[in-house]
Protein backbone atom coordinates (compact mmCIF):
# COMPACT_ATOMS: atom_id res chain seq x y z
CA MET A 1 -54.34 62.85 -69.14
CA SER A 2 -52.39 64.31 -66.21
CA THR A 3 -48.58 64.55 -65.37
CA LEU A 4 -47.75 63.10 -62.03
CA PRO A 5 -46.16 65.44 -59.40
CA GLY A 6 -42.47 65.34 -59.47
CA ALA A 7 -42.10 65.23 -63.19
CA ASP A 8 -40.49 68.47 -63.44
CA ARG A 9 -37.91 67.74 -60.69
CA PRO A 10 -34.14 67.82 -61.58
CA ARG A 11 -32.47 64.38 -61.69
CA ASP A 12 -28.79 64.32 -60.47
CA GLY A 13 -26.31 63.48 -63.29
CA ALA A 14 -29.26 62.92 -65.59
CA GLY A 15 -28.65 66.05 -67.87
CA GLU A 16 -31.79 67.04 -70.08
CA PRO A 17 -34.44 64.47 -70.03
CA ASP A 18 -34.78 62.15 -73.08
CA SER A 19 -37.94 61.89 -74.87
CA GLY A 20 -38.14 58.23 -74.53
CA GLY A 21 -38.82 56.08 -77.64
CA THR A 22 -35.95 55.81 -79.82
CA ALA A 23 -33.83 58.40 -77.86
CA GLY A 24 -34.06 55.96 -74.95
CA LEU A 25 -33.79 52.26 -74.35
CA HIS A 26 -35.61 51.38 -77.51
CA ALA A 27 -32.41 52.53 -79.43
CA LEU A 28 -30.52 49.76 -78.07
CA LEU A 29 -32.03 47.47 -80.80
CA ASP A 30 -30.39 49.84 -83.39
CA GLY A 31 -27.11 49.51 -81.87
CA LEU A 32 -26.93 45.65 -82.08
CA PRO A 33 -24.21 44.40 -84.42
CA PHE A 34 -26.13 41.66 -86.18
CA GLY A 35 -28.03 41.31 -89.26
CA ASP A 36 -31.83 41.02 -89.50
CA ASP A 37 -31.51 37.22 -89.94
CA ASP A 38 -29.36 36.79 -86.80
CA ILE A 39 -30.79 35.22 -83.73
CA VAL A 40 -30.55 37.75 -81.01
CA VAL A 41 -32.95 36.05 -78.44
CA ALA A 42 -32.83 32.35 -77.94
CA ALA A 43 -35.26 30.46 -75.65
CA GLN A 44 -36.61 26.95 -74.98
CA SER A 45 -39.97 28.25 -76.32
CA GLY A 46 -38.56 29.64 -79.60
CA ASP A 47 -36.10 32.07 -81.19
CA LEU A 48 -36.37 35.68 -82.54
CA SER A 49 -34.00 37.27 -85.01
CA LEU A 50 -33.20 40.91 -84.81
CA GLY A 51 -35.57 41.64 -87.74
CA GLU A 52 -38.32 39.80 -86.12
CA LEU A 53 -37.77 41.40 -82.68
CA ARG A 54 -37.61 44.96 -84.42
CA SER A 55 -40.76 44.41 -86.68
CA ARG A 56 -42.85 42.86 -83.98
CA ALA A 57 -41.95 45.63 -81.49
CA ALA A 58 -43.03 48.20 -84.10
CA SER A 59 -46.17 46.56 -85.01
CA LEU A 60 -47.30 46.15 -81.42
CA ALA A 61 -46.17 49.89 -80.75
CA VAL A 62 -48.82 50.86 -83.47
CA SER A 63 -51.25 48.94 -81.87
CA LEU A 64 -50.69 50.69 -78.39
CA ARG A 65 -51.10 54.00 -79.93
CA GLU A 66 -54.34 52.95 -81.65
CA ALA A 67 -55.69 51.56 -78.38
CA GLY A 68 -55.02 55.28 -77.04
CA VAL A 69 -51.93 54.94 -75.07
CA ARG A 70 -50.33 58.42 -74.63
CA PRO A 71 -46.72 59.35 -74.11
CA GLY A 72 -45.47 58.67 -70.39
CA GLN A 73 -48.50 56.52 -69.51
CA LEU A 74 -47.90 53.23 -67.80
CA VAL A 75 -48.23 49.88 -69.74
CA GLY A 76 -48.43 46.80 -67.68
CA ASN A 77 -47.21 43.39 -69.24
CA LEU A 78 -48.34 40.14 -67.85
CA VAL A 79 -44.92 38.59 -68.38
CA HIS A 80 -45.04 35.37 -70.45
CA PRO A 81 -42.02 33.09 -70.66
CA GLY A 82 -40.02 33.37 -73.64
CA PRO A 83 -38.85 35.97 -76.20
CA SER A 84 -42.34 37.77 -76.52
CA SER A 85 -42.05 39.74 -73.35
CA LEU A 86 -39.06 41.57 -74.85
CA VAL A 87 -41.19 42.35 -77.82
CA VAL A 88 -43.66 44.07 -75.40
CA MET A 89 -40.92 45.96 -73.39
CA PHE A 90 -39.42 47.53 -76.48
CA ALA A 91 -43.00 48.11 -78.09
CA THR A 92 -43.90 50.04 -74.95
CA TRP A 93 -40.68 52.18 -75.27
CA ALA A 94 -41.38 52.60 -78.95
CA ALA A 95 -44.79 54.03 -78.09
CA ASP A 96 -43.17 56.48 -75.77
CA ALA A 97 -44.81 54.91 -72.57
CA VAL A 98 -43.57 53.56 -69.33
CA TYR A 99 -42.91 49.81 -69.06
CA LEU A 100 -44.29 47.85 -65.92
CA PRO A 101 -43.48 44.01 -65.88
CA ILE A 102 -46.06 41.96 -63.97
CA ASN A 103 -45.42 38.56 -62.90
CA ALA A 104 -48.44 36.59 -64.34
CA ARG A 105 -48.05 34.10 -61.55
CA LEU A 106 -49.23 36.69 -59.01
CA THR A 107 -52.77 36.04 -57.56
CA THR A 108 -55.61 38.25 -58.92
CA ALA A 109 -55.59 40.14 -55.67
CA GLU A 110 -51.98 41.02 -55.98
CA ILE A 111 -52.09 42.16 -59.49
CA SER A 112 -55.17 44.15 -58.67
CA ALA A 113 -53.53 45.74 -55.82
CA TRP A 114 -50.54 46.85 -58.13
CA ILE A 115 -52.84 48.30 -60.66
CA THR A 116 -54.89 50.29 -57.95
CA GLU A 117 -51.88 51.73 -56.46
CA THR A 118 -50.38 52.73 -59.71
CA PRO A 119 -52.92 52.93 -62.41
CA VAL A 120 -52.01 51.83 -66.00
CA ALA A 121 -53.37 52.98 -69.18
CA LEU A 122 -53.83 49.15 -70.31
CA VAL A 123 -52.64 45.73 -69.63
CA ILE A 124 -50.98 43.41 -72.38
CA GLY A 125 -51.22 39.69 -71.99
CA SER A 126 -52.24 36.39 -73.46
CA ALA A 127 -56.00 35.68 -73.59
CA ALA A 128 -55.50 33.16 -70.71
CA ASP A 129 -53.45 35.53 -68.68
CA LEU A 130 -55.97 38.47 -69.21
CA ALA A 131 -58.74 36.12 -68.13
CA ALA A 132 -56.90 34.75 -65.10
CA SER A 133 -55.97 38.23 -64.04
CA GLY A 134 -59.47 39.23 -63.69
CA LEU A 135 -58.72 42.95 -64.52
CA ALA A 136 -61.01 45.37 -65.78
CA GLY A 137 -59.93 48.47 -67.96
CA GLY A 138 -57.72 48.88 -70.84
CA ALA A 139 -56.32 45.60 -72.30
CA VAL A 140 -54.43 44.32 -75.46
CA GLU A 141 -54.65 40.62 -75.98
CA TYR A 142 -51.30 39.38 -77.51
CA ASP A 143 -50.73 36.16 -79.17
CA HIS A 144 -47.09 35.16 -78.14
CA ALA A 145 -46.90 32.61 -81.06
CA SER A 146 -48.18 34.75 -83.86
CA ALA A 147 -47.32 38.17 -82.54
CA ALA A 148 -51.06 39.15 -83.38
CA ALA A 149 -52.41 41.93 -81.20
CA LEU A 150 -56.18 42.59 -80.34
CA ILE A 151 -57.33 45.62 -78.67
CA ARG A 152 -59.92 44.40 -76.28
CA VAL A 153 -60.54 47.57 -74.39
CA PRO A 154 -59.09 51.01 -75.05
CA ALA A 155 -56.66 52.62 -72.98
CA ASP A 156 -57.71 54.59 -70.09
CA ALA A 157 -57.33 58.14 -71.20
CA ALA A 158 -57.34 59.46 -67.50
CA ALA A 159 -54.55 57.33 -66.55
CA ALA A 160 -51.66 59.70 -65.24
CA ALA A 161 -48.51 60.01 -67.20
CA TYR A 162 -44.74 60.36 -66.14
CA ASP A 163 -42.18 62.62 -67.68
CA GLY A 164 -40.49 61.46 -70.93
CA ASP A 165 -37.26 60.25 -69.38
CA VAL A 166 -39.10 57.77 -67.14
CA ALA A 167 -38.58 54.32 -68.74
CA LEU A 168 -39.82 51.65 -66.17
CA MET A 169 -41.82 51.10 -63.16
CA LEU A 170 -40.42 48.16 -61.10
CA ARG A 171 -41.44 46.58 -57.79
CA THR A 172 -38.89 46.00 -54.93
CA SER A 173 -38.61 42.36 -53.84
CA GLY A 174 -40.81 42.98 -50.79
CA THR A 175 -38.33 40.63 -48.60
CA THR A 176 -38.94 42.80 -45.59
CA GLY A 177 -42.11 44.46 -46.17
CA ARG A 178 -44.63 45.62 -48.76
CA PRO A 179 -43.07 45.96 -52.27
CA LYS A 180 -42.58 49.58 -53.45
CA ALA A 181 -43.07 51.03 -56.97
CA VAL A 182 -39.63 52.27 -58.32
CA LEU A 183 -39.35 54.63 -61.14
CA LEU A 184 -36.31 54.31 -63.31
CA ARG A 185 -35.08 56.65 -66.17
CA HIS A 186 -33.88 56.02 -69.73
CA SER A 187 -30.90 57.98 -69.24
CA GLY A 188 -30.05 56.71 -65.71
CA THR A 189 -30.46 53.07 -66.89
CA LEU A 190 -28.17 53.86 -69.75
CA GLU A 191 -25.54 55.17 -67.41
CA ALA A 192 -25.88 52.09 -65.19
CA LEU A 193 -25.27 49.76 -68.20
CA ASP A 194 -22.26 51.69 -69.19
CA ALA A 195 -20.84 51.77 -65.69
CA SER A 196 -21.35 47.96 -65.51
CA ILE A 197 -19.70 47.30 -68.78
CA ARG A 198 -16.67 49.63 -68.05
CA LYS A 199 -16.15 47.73 -64.76
CA LEU A 200 -16.28 44.27 -66.37
CA ARG A 201 -14.43 44.57 -69.51
CA GLY A 202 -13.06 48.07 -70.40
CA PRO A 203 -13.40 51.76 -70.74
CA ALA A 204 -16.41 51.83 -73.18
CA PRO A 205 -19.19 49.51 -74.47
CA GLY A 206 -18.91 48.13 -78.07
CA ALA A 207 -19.48 45.23 -80.15
CA PRO A 208 -17.50 41.95 -79.68
CA ARG A 209 -15.48 40.60 -82.34
CA ALA A 210 -17.58 37.59 -82.85
CA ARG A 211 -21.37 37.19 -81.90
CA ARG A 212 -21.71 35.94 -78.11
CA PHE A 213 -24.67 35.14 -75.92
CA ASN A 214 -25.59 36.26 -72.49
CA LEU A 215 -27.53 34.00 -70.30
CA ILE A 216 -30.63 35.36 -68.61
CA PRO A 217 -31.48 32.69 -66.06
CA VAL A 218 -34.33 34.76 -64.11
CA SER A 219 -37.64 35.81 -65.04
CA LEU A 220 -38.23 38.91 -67.21
CA ALA A 221 -40.61 40.02 -64.76
CA LEU A 222 -37.73 40.77 -62.35
CA TRP A 223 -35.31 43.78 -62.51
CA ALA A 224 -32.37 41.33 -62.65
CA GLY A 225 -33.97 39.65 -65.75
CA VAL A 226 -34.54 43.11 -67.41
CA PHE A 227 -31.39 44.65 -66.54
CA ASN A 228 -29.25 41.81 -67.69
CA THR A 229 -30.93 41.57 -71.01
CA LEU A 230 -30.43 45.37 -71.46
CA PHE A 231 -26.79 44.90 -70.50
CA ALA A 232 -26.33 42.29 -73.27
CA PHE A 233 -27.86 44.47 -75.90
CA ARG A 234 -25.85 47.50 -74.74
CA ALA A 235 -22.75 45.36 -75.04
CA GLY A 236 -23.51 43.90 -78.33
CA PHE A 237 -24.55 40.50 -77.17
CA ALA A 238 -27.56 38.30 -78.00
CA VAL A 239 -29.34 36.63 -75.10
CA VAL A 240 -30.35 33.27 -74.12
CA LEU A 241 -33.48 32.95 -71.87
CA LEU A 242 -34.02 29.91 -69.56
CA ASP A 243 -37.89 29.82 -69.49
CA THR A 244 -37.45 27.34 -66.66
CA PHE A 245 -34.29 26.98 -64.62
CA THR A 246 -32.92 23.40 -63.90
CA PRO A 247 -29.30 22.46 -63.39
CA ALA A 248 -29.30 20.21 -66.34
CA GLY A 249 -30.96 22.72 -68.67
CA PHE A 250 -28.36 25.42 -67.41
CA ALA A 251 -25.50 22.89 -68.21
CA ALA A 252 -26.76 22.32 -71.58
CA ALA A 253 -27.06 25.92 -72.42
CA VAL A 254 -23.56 26.52 -71.18
CA ALA A 255 -22.35 23.93 -73.59
CA LYS A 256 -24.60 24.81 -76.68
CA TYR A 257 -23.77 28.48 -76.66
CA ALA A 258 -20.11 28.21 -75.32
CA LEU A 259 -20.73 30.50 -72.50
CA ARG A 260 -17.74 31.60 -70.58
CA SER A 261 -19.41 33.77 -68.11
CA VAL A 262 -22.93 33.85 -66.71
CA VAL A 263 -25.10 35.52 -63.89
CA LEU A 264 -26.97 33.09 -61.44
CA ALA A 265 -28.92 33.68 -58.40
CA PRO A 266 -27.31 32.26 -55.25
CA ALA A 267 -30.06 29.64 -54.98
CA MET A 268 -29.32 28.54 -58.40
CA ILE A 269 -25.57 28.25 -57.65
CA ALA A 270 -26.58 25.99 -54.85
CA MET A 271 -28.83 23.81 -56.85
CA VAL A 272 -26.21 23.24 -59.67
CA SER A 273 -23.67 22.42 -56.91
CA ASP A 274 -25.84 19.83 -55.54
CA ALA A 275 -27.03 18.45 -58.78
CA GLU A 276 -25.95 14.78 -59.31
CA ASP A 277 -26.70 14.80 -63.13
CA VAL A 278 -24.29 17.87 -63.75
CA THR A 279 -20.55 16.97 -63.99
CA ASP A 280 -19.16 19.47 -66.23
CA LEU A 281 -19.55 23.10 -67.08
CA GLY A 282 -17.09 23.62 -69.70
CA PRO A 283 -16.19 26.15 -71.24
CA LEU A 284 -17.74 28.25 -68.26
CA ARG A 285 -14.95 30.18 -66.39
CA LEU A 286 -16.76 32.90 -64.29
CA VAL A 287 -20.16 33.13 -62.59
CA ARG A 288 -21.41 36.49 -61.23
CA SER A 289 -23.95 36.05 -58.38
CA ILE A 290 -26.85 38.46 -58.50
CA THR A 291 -30.23 39.22 -56.88
CA ALA A 292 -29.23 38.22 -53.18
CA PRO A 293 -26.12 38.17 -50.84
CA LEU A 294 -24.01 34.98 -51.66
CA SER A 295 -22.80 32.73 -49.09
CA PRO A 296 -18.94 32.16 -49.21
CA GLU A 297 -19.48 28.58 -48.49
CA VAL A 298 -21.84 28.11 -51.59
CA ALA A 299 -19.39 29.85 -53.69
CA ARG A 300 -16.52 27.76 -52.40
CA ARG A 301 -18.47 24.63 -53.06
CA PHE A 302 -19.17 25.49 -56.60
CA HIS A 303 -15.62 26.55 -57.30
CA GLN A 304 -14.29 23.30 -55.96
CA ARG A 305 -16.62 21.16 -57.86
CA PHE A 306 -16.33 22.79 -61.26
CA GLY A 307 -13.29 25.00 -61.15
CA VAL A 308 -15.38 27.99 -61.91
CA PHE A 309 -14.80 31.22 -59.81
CA VAL A 310 -17.89 32.99 -58.53
CA LEU A 311 -18.03 36.64 -57.88
CA ASN A 312 -20.47 38.35 -55.75
CA SER A 313 -21.88 41.81 -56.62
CA TYR A 314 -24.18 44.45 -54.91
CA GLY A 315 -27.10 46.51 -56.11
CA GLN A 316 -30.69 47.37 -55.49
CA THR A 317 -33.56 48.21 -57.66
CA GLU A 318 -33.76 51.85 -56.27
CA LEU A 319 -30.01 52.26 -57.14
CA GLY A 320 -30.97 51.34 -60.87
CA GLY A 321 -28.73 48.30 -60.92
CA GLU A 322 -25.43 47.08 -59.75
CA VAL A 323 -23.10 49.72 -58.12
CA VAL A 324 -20.42 47.43 -56.69
CA GLY A 325 -18.69 44.49 -58.38
CA TRP A 326 -15.37 42.95 -59.44
CA THR A 327 -13.07 43.39 -62.25
CA ALA A 328 -10.87 40.77 -64.05
CA ALA A 329 -7.89 42.51 -62.39
CA ASP A 330 -9.57 42.16 -58.92
CA VAL A 331 -9.83 38.51 -59.45
CA ARG A 332 -6.11 38.23 -60.50
CA GLU A 333 -4.90 40.28 -57.51
CA PHE A 334 -7.16 39.00 -54.74
CA GLY A 335 -8.53 35.64 -55.81
CA GLU A 336 -10.07 33.55 -53.12
CA ARG A 337 -8.70 35.82 -50.44
CA LYS A 338 -11.67 37.95 -50.92
CA LEU A 339 -14.24 35.40 -51.73
CA GLY A 340 -17.72 36.56 -50.39
CA ALA A 341 -17.01 40.12 -50.95
CA ALA A 342 -19.39 42.20 -53.23
CA GLY A 343 -16.36 43.95 -54.83
CA ARG A 344 -15.40 47.49 -55.14
CA ALA A 345 -17.58 50.48 -55.93
CA TYR A 346 -18.01 51.38 -59.59
CA ASP A 347 -16.67 54.50 -61.04
CA GLY A 348 -18.91 57.38 -60.18
CA ILE A 349 -20.32 55.66 -57.23
CA ASP A 350 -19.72 57.11 -53.66
CA LEU A 351 -20.09 54.32 -51.05
CA GLN A 352 -20.02 54.99 -47.18
CA VAL A 353 -20.82 53.02 -44.22
CA ARG A 354 -22.29 54.88 -41.39
CA GLY A 355 -23.02 54.09 -37.80
CA GLU A 356 -26.43 54.91 -36.09
CA ASP A 357 -25.18 58.45 -35.23
CA GLY A 358 -24.95 59.08 -39.01
CA ARG A 359 -21.06 59.34 -39.09
CA THR A 360 -18.96 57.49 -41.58
CA ARG A 361 -17.42 54.25 -39.97
CA PRO A 362 -13.72 53.48 -40.19
CA ALA A 363 -12.54 50.86 -42.58
CA GLY A 364 -13.37 47.33 -41.44
CA GLU A 365 -16.15 48.47 -39.14
CA PRO A 366 -19.81 47.67 -39.86
CA GLY A 367 -22.67 49.97 -40.29
CA GLU A 368 -25.41 50.74 -42.63
CA ILE A 369 -24.42 51.09 -46.47
CA TYR A 370 -25.22 54.58 -48.05
CA VAL A 371 -24.70 54.89 -51.82
CA ARG A 372 -24.57 58.02 -53.80
CA SER A 373 -25.26 56.97 -57.52
CA PRO A 374 -25.80 59.05 -60.86
CA PHE A 375 -28.33 56.51 -62.08
CA ARG A 376 -30.45 55.93 -58.99
CA MET A 377 -34.22 55.87 -59.12
CA HIS A 378 -36.28 58.89 -60.11
CA GLY A 379 -38.48 58.25 -57.21
CA TYR A 380 -41.14 56.02 -55.74
CA ALA A 381 -44.69 55.86 -57.37
CA VAL A 382 -47.62 55.94 -55.09
CA ALA A 383 -51.43 56.33 -55.61
CA GLY A 384 -52.32 59.63 -56.85
CA GLY A 385 -48.58 60.79 -57.36
CA ALA A 386 -44.96 60.27 -57.56
CA THR A 387 -42.39 61.14 -55.03
CA GLY A 388 -38.93 62.65 -55.64
CA PRO A 389 -35.59 60.76 -55.73
CA GLY A 390 -35.27 58.31 -52.54
CA GLU A 391 -38.46 60.02 -50.87
CA GLU A 392 -41.60 58.42 -49.74
CA ALA A 393 -44.18 59.55 -47.31
CA GLY A 394 -42.99 58.74 -43.85
CA GLU A 395 -39.70 57.23 -44.86
CA ASP A 396 -36.50 59.04 -45.17
CA ARG A 397 -34.43 57.13 -47.75
CA CYS A 398 -32.22 60.14 -49.07
CA VAL A 399 -29.70 61.75 -46.78
CA ASP A 400 -27.29 64.33 -48.17
CA GLY A 401 -27.79 63.01 -51.72
CA TYR A 402 -26.94 59.37 -50.40
CA LEU A 403 -29.55 56.65 -50.57
CA ARG A 404 -30.00 54.64 -47.24
CA THR A 405 -29.85 51.03 -48.55
CA GLY A 406 -31.11 49.47 -45.21
CA ASP A 407 -28.16 47.02 -45.65
CA VAL A 408 -25.50 46.35 -43.15
CA GLY A 409 -21.95 45.98 -44.30
CA ARG A 410 -18.31 46.92 -43.91
CA VAL A 411 -15.59 48.18 -46.28
CA ASP A 412 -12.20 46.73 -45.77
CA HIS A 413 -8.80 48.55 -46.20
CA ASP A 414 -8.68 47.42 -49.76
CA GLY A 415 -12.07 48.99 -50.75
CA PHE A 416 -14.05 45.76 -50.77
CA LEU A 417 -17.53 45.91 -49.54
CA TRP A 418 -18.72 43.00 -47.48
CA VAL A 419 -22.59 42.84 -46.95
CA GLN A 420 -23.71 41.34 -43.58
CA GLY A 421 -27.58 41.66 -43.95
CA ARG A 422 -30.47 44.09 -43.59
CA VAL A 423 -30.76 46.57 -40.78
CA SER A 424 -34.31 45.30 -40.20
CA ASP A 425 -32.93 41.50 -39.98
CA MET A 426 -30.75 42.42 -37.02
CA ILE A 427 -31.50 40.53 -33.89
CA ASN A 428 -31.19 42.70 -30.66
CA ARG A 429 -30.42 39.99 -27.84
CA GLY A 430 -30.76 42.17 -24.66
CA GLY A 431 -28.81 44.97 -26.28
CA LEU A 432 -26.35 42.74 -28.01
CA LYS A 433 -26.61 43.06 -31.81
CA ILE A 434 -26.46 39.78 -34.02
CA HIS A 435 -26.30 39.73 -37.79
CA PRO A 436 -28.17 36.52 -38.84
CA ASP A 437 -26.11 36.18 -41.96
CA GLU A 438 -22.95 35.53 -39.93
CA VAL A 439 -24.48 32.65 -37.85
CA GLU A 440 -26.05 31.27 -41.01
CA GLU A 441 -22.65 31.06 -42.66
CA ALA A 442 -21.17 29.26 -39.71
CA LEU A 443 -23.98 26.73 -40.03
CA ARG A 444 -23.52 26.19 -43.72
CA GLU A 445 -19.94 25.12 -42.89
CA HIS A 446 -21.34 22.03 -41.16
CA PRO A 447 -20.70 19.16 -43.51
CA ARG A 448 -24.32 18.01 -43.13
CA VAL A 449 -26.00 21.30 -43.40
CA SER A 450 -26.90 22.42 -46.99
CA ASP A 451 -28.79 25.57 -46.09
CA ALA A 452 -29.62 27.60 -42.95
CA GLY A 453 -31.80 30.59 -41.82
CA VAL A 454 -31.63 32.52 -38.64
CA ALA A 455 -34.17 35.14 -37.37
CA GLY A 456 -35.17 36.65 -34.22
CA VAL A 457 -37.98 35.33 -32.09
CA PRO A 458 -39.70 36.97 -29.10
CA ASP A 459 -38.13 36.54 -25.66
CA ARG A 460 -39.65 37.52 -22.45
CA ARG A 461 -36.41 38.47 -20.66
CA LEU A 462 -34.04 39.40 -23.53
CA GLY A 463 -36.75 40.82 -25.95
CA GLU A 464 -35.62 38.51 -28.79
CA VAL A 465 -33.29 35.76 -29.40
CA PRO A 466 -31.98 33.91 -32.55
CA HIS A 467 -33.39 30.78 -33.65
CA ALA A 468 -32.13 28.72 -36.53
CA TRP A 469 -33.73 26.68 -39.36
CA VAL A 470 -31.64 24.12 -41.10
CA VAL A 471 -31.79 21.94 -43.99
CA THR A 472 -29.72 18.80 -43.39
CA ALA A 473 -28.59 15.54 -44.92
CA GLY A 474 -29.89 13.12 -42.39
CA ASP A 475 -30.63 13.87 -38.79
CA VAL A 476 -28.21 16.29 -36.78
CA ALA A 477 -28.79 16.57 -33.18
CA ALA A 478 -29.51 20.16 -31.95
CA ALA A 479 -26.68 19.79 -29.32
CA GLU A 480 -24.19 19.02 -32.15
CA LEU A 481 -25.26 22.23 -33.96
CA GLU A 482 -25.09 24.35 -31.00
CA ALA A 483 -21.44 23.01 -30.14
CA TRP A 484 -20.45 23.66 -33.86
CA CYS A 485 -21.68 27.33 -33.50
CA ARG A 486 -19.99 27.88 -30.19
CA GLU A 487 -16.76 27.22 -31.78
CA ARG A 488 -17.44 29.79 -34.55
CA VAL A 489 -19.35 32.64 -33.27
CA ALA A 490 -19.66 34.47 -29.92
CA PRO A 491 -21.83 32.67 -27.23
CA TYR A 492 -24.59 35.32 -27.53
CA LYS A 493 -25.08 34.84 -31.30
CA VAL A 494 -25.51 30.95 -30.98
CA PRO A 495 -29.30 30.18 -31.62
CA VAL A 496 -31.39 29.08 -28.62
CA ALA A 497 -33.18 26.50 -30.75
CA PHE A 498 -32.76 24.62 -34.22
CA THR A 499 -35.60 23.53 -36.38
CA ARG A 500 -35.06 21.08 -39.24
CA VAL A 501 -36.98 21.93 -42.28
CA PRO A 502 -36.92 20.32 -45.88
CA VAL A 503 -36.41 23.65 -47.64
CA LEU A 504 -36.07 27.37 -46.60
CA PRO A 505 -38.64 30.01 -47.87
CA ARG A 506 -37.22 32.15 -50.54
CA SER A 507 -38.44 34.73 -52.89
CA ASP A 508 -38.35 34.52 -56.84
CA ILE A 509 -34.77 36.02 -56.67
CA GLY A 510 -33.49 33.68 -54.18
CA LYS A 511 -33.74 35.97 -51.05
CA LEU A 512 -34.56 34.35 -47.68
CA LEU A 513 -37.98 35.12 -46.41
CA ARG A 514 -37.14 35.38 -42.62
CA ARG A 515 -40.61 36.55 -41.69
CA ASP A 516 -42.07 33.31 -43.24
CA LEU A 517 -39.80 31.34 -40.83
CA VAL A 518 -40.92 33.16 -37.87
CA ARG A 519 -44.60 33.17 -38.93
CA GLY A 520 -44.41 29.33 -39.28
CA LEU A 521 -42.77 28.62 -35.95
CA ALA A 522 -45.02 26.55 -33.74
CA PRO A 523 -44.92 27.30 -29.99
CA GLY A 524 -42.10 25.21 -28.45
CA ALA A 525 -40.52 24.27 -31.89
CA GLY A 526 -36.82 23.56 -32.25
CA GLY A 527 -34.41 21.84 -29.97
């Protein structure tokens, strides 16, 4: 067994590395303010009490060690809907290993590419998922109903290991390119959780007076699902897993568990807003938008229909979680005046907006968002080794201790961050820069446009020009949409053509896949 390069590098703000296991994220199970018989994970596919979660994780950890998993080695989990994936996650940490969630819905080629790039000691999954994955090498078959574990192939003893503070390997969303493998630390993740709790409810984490539930509406194969589950446990909450998201199922969960605040992806907020079979969301008061930029128009529509305030937020996998958000005091003071803003930076976060020359932009002026965070990633993992924090071969992501996010935004005079899109999504129309998000928002304001996507397409004279794809209720003439845009954005920002589509391509976390829009554009389409 070897230790990957970069393991000895210091980590800003991390202090001494944890040994993993009970000294790290696994200890969250010891801090829950519940009895062994209390339900801590509720799901459509079954519930788990605290005692069951602890005992199943401990038992599976024994199986992992018996299979030959060594401290610091990578254990992949073919994520199965329901509570059992949390068992696998905590068992991995109890075995002092590094957890890699893998979406079982990926193709065999995609899963194989992941494993080739960052070799695992073994993979855990159901018999069906392991068979479908087609993977060779170390494997533990796990029965999600009975919690029985069967060692099918011993762990790969030659698989590299990471240092003891590395807790997770996660893949970026891949919205603008090939997903990267990000390494996150036990210590940094705990700092991120505590920073989020301080921002939302007070100076320090602690148990609530009565048992409360935190809704997890996204897959546990995603960082958003993992982070919000860990957030709940750190704050002393139980969790509710929505194995499959539907507006009616969401409304039923809100009522059953008396949820007053939840997190939802923007696409989910739009689905609930448009659902005819959802008429009431009591006692819900607050929704925090996660995973992707939230359209102010979608937030307004949700608020007008249900009387629930919707807050944006901002973070990246590389940053270890959310770094910008709202407080209750912000809501009281600014309310709908700042609707659409991501919020203000958390304590300990240094946020800057810089121009192309690298200089900090004045308040209100857009540029690339730079963030210095004490709980950012340990680095990227690549085949044959691991880079340091924010570094990757051929890509300079870390500048003067700040992570270049690749996002465009502005910070107003009150310190609120407004995210305007990705640097890579910006359209250069003959030297004039266009942020697609701004044009999309203008289109969504049209009464018969429910969703819109804008991307640059090649143009012989100008290099590229904006093209719009719209989801509409009934036919809407291109001329009408063009006139609508001309009243709301500068002439050079108006799309040259409009293509009507039934739905826009989005990732599992709701991010618009602009490259898929352009790829599917037939010659002469639009208009």
